């Protein structure tokens, strides 16, 4: 009444369900971010001559592969994030 509109709340899980399955089709931002980090770690492993791979290797894991690298306490947020994606 009086032109009031009701807001119907739904859970984030329902929002992230594919449209074909009755959801709204939003991507889960946490899962999407994790996938991008995994992709970056994979690229460092597959293309070790890329600028990104060479810089990170020279700085953080000279003797190892990205698969066995351990971040020092002083590592950048970027490197910590890539290792989080790798794990």
Protein backbone atom coordinates (compact mmCIF):
# COMPACT_ATOMS: atom_id res chain seq x y z
CA UNK A 1 0.00 0.00 0.00
CA UNK A 2 1.01 3.63 -0.46
CA UNK A 3 3.42 2.65 -3.25
CA UNK A 4 5.79 0.82 -0.91
CA UNK A 5 8.06 -1.75 -2.48
CA UNK A 6 9.23 -4.82 -0.68
CA UNK A 7 12.76 -6.12 -1.01
CA UNK A 8 13.01 -9.87 -1.26
CA UNK A 9 16.37 -11.02 0.08
CA UNK A 10 18.05 -14.19 -1.15
CA UNK A 11 21.25 -15.85 -0.01
CA UNK A 12 24.61 -15.28 -1.70
CA UNK A 13 24.71 -19.03 -2.46
CA UNK A 14 21.47 -18.73 -4.44
CA UNK A 15 22.83 -15.69 -6.28
CA UNK A 16 25.89 -17.70 -7.36
CA UNK A 17 23.86 -20.60 -8.78
CA UNK A 18 23.87 -20.73 -12.58
CA UNK A 19 20.86 -19.15 -14.30
CA UNK A 20 19.97 -22.45 -15.94
CA UNK A 21 19.66 -23.94 -12.43
CA UNK A 22 17.38 -21.18 -11.10
CA UNK A 23 19.97 -18.81 -9.65
CA UNK A 24 21.06 -15.33 -10.68
CA UNK A 25 24.35 -16.41 -12.27
CA UNK A 26 26.74 -14.25 -10.25
CA UNK A 27 30.27 -15.52 -9.92
CA UNK A 28 31.59 -16.27 -6.47
CA UNK A 29 34.32 -13.58 -6.17
CA UNK A 30 36.44 -15.65 -3.78
CA UNK A 31 36.44 -18.68 -6.09
CA UNK A 32 37.07 -16.47 -9.13
CA UNK A 33 40.05 -14.79 -7.45
CA UNK A 34 41.45 -18.18 -6.42
CA UNK A 35 41.15 -19.40 -10.02
CA UNK A 36 43.09 -16.37 -11.30
CA UNK A 37 45.86 -16.96 -8.74
CA UNK A 38 46.12 -20.62 -9.74
CA UNK A 39 46.35 -19.55 -13.37
CA UNK A 40 49.22 -17.18 -12.54
CA UNK A 41 51.14 -19.89 -10.67
CA UNK A 42 50.59 -22.27 -13.60
CA UNK A 43 51.87 -19.64 -16.03
CA UNK A 44 55.03 -19.13 -13.94
CA UNK A 45 55.61 -22.89 -14.05
CA UNK A 46 54.88 -23.24 -17.78
CA UNK A 47 56.58 -20.05 -19.05
CA UNK A 48 59.62 -19.56 -16.82
CA UNK A 49 61.09 -17.04 -19.29
CA UNK A 50 58.23 -14.55 -18.83
CA UNK A 51 59.17 -11.28 -17.14
CA UNK A 52 56.90 -12.00 -14.17
CA UNK A 53 58.38 -15.48 -13.65
CA UNK A 54 61.96 -14.25 -13.94
CA UNK A 55 61.45 -11.39 -11.48
CA UNK A 56 59.67 -13.54 -8.90
CA UNK A 57 62.18 -16.37 -9.28
CA UNK A 58 65.16 -14.03 -8.88
CA UNK A 59 63.60 -12.49 -5.79
CA UNK A 60 61.93 -15.39 -4.00
CA UNK A 61 62.79 -18.89 -5.23
CA UNK A 62 66.16 -19.00 -7.00
CA UNK A 63 66.87 -22.66 -6.33
CA UNK A 64 63.31 -24.02 -6.43
CA UNK A 65 60.29 -24.31 -8.68
CA UNK A 66 57.14 -22.34 -7.92
CA UNK A 67 55.67 -25.66 -6.74
CA UNK A 68 58.07 -25.89 -3.80
CA UNK A 69 58.74 -22.21 -3.13
CA UNK A 70 58.23 -20.89 0.37
CA UNK A 71 57.51 -17.21 0.92
CA UNK A 72 59.88 -15.39 3.24
CA UNK A 73 58.26 -13.10 5.80
CA UNK A 74 59.29 -10.10 3.69
CA UNK A 75 57.60 -11.40 0.52
CA UNK A 76 55.28 -9.11 -1.39
CA UNK A 77 51.51 -9.39 -1.17
CA UNK A 78 51.54 -10.49 -4.82
CA UNK A 79 53.88 -13.40 -4.16
CA UNK A 80 51.96 -14.45 -1.03
CA UNK A 81 48.77 -14.41 -3.09
CA UNK A 82 50.25 -16.50 -5.92
CA UNK A 83 51.45 -19.09 -3.40
CA UNK A 84 47.99 -19.08 -1.82
CA UNK A 85 46.55 -19.81 -5.27
CA UNK A 86 49.11 -22.54 -5.85
CA UNK A 87 48.26 -24.24 -2.58
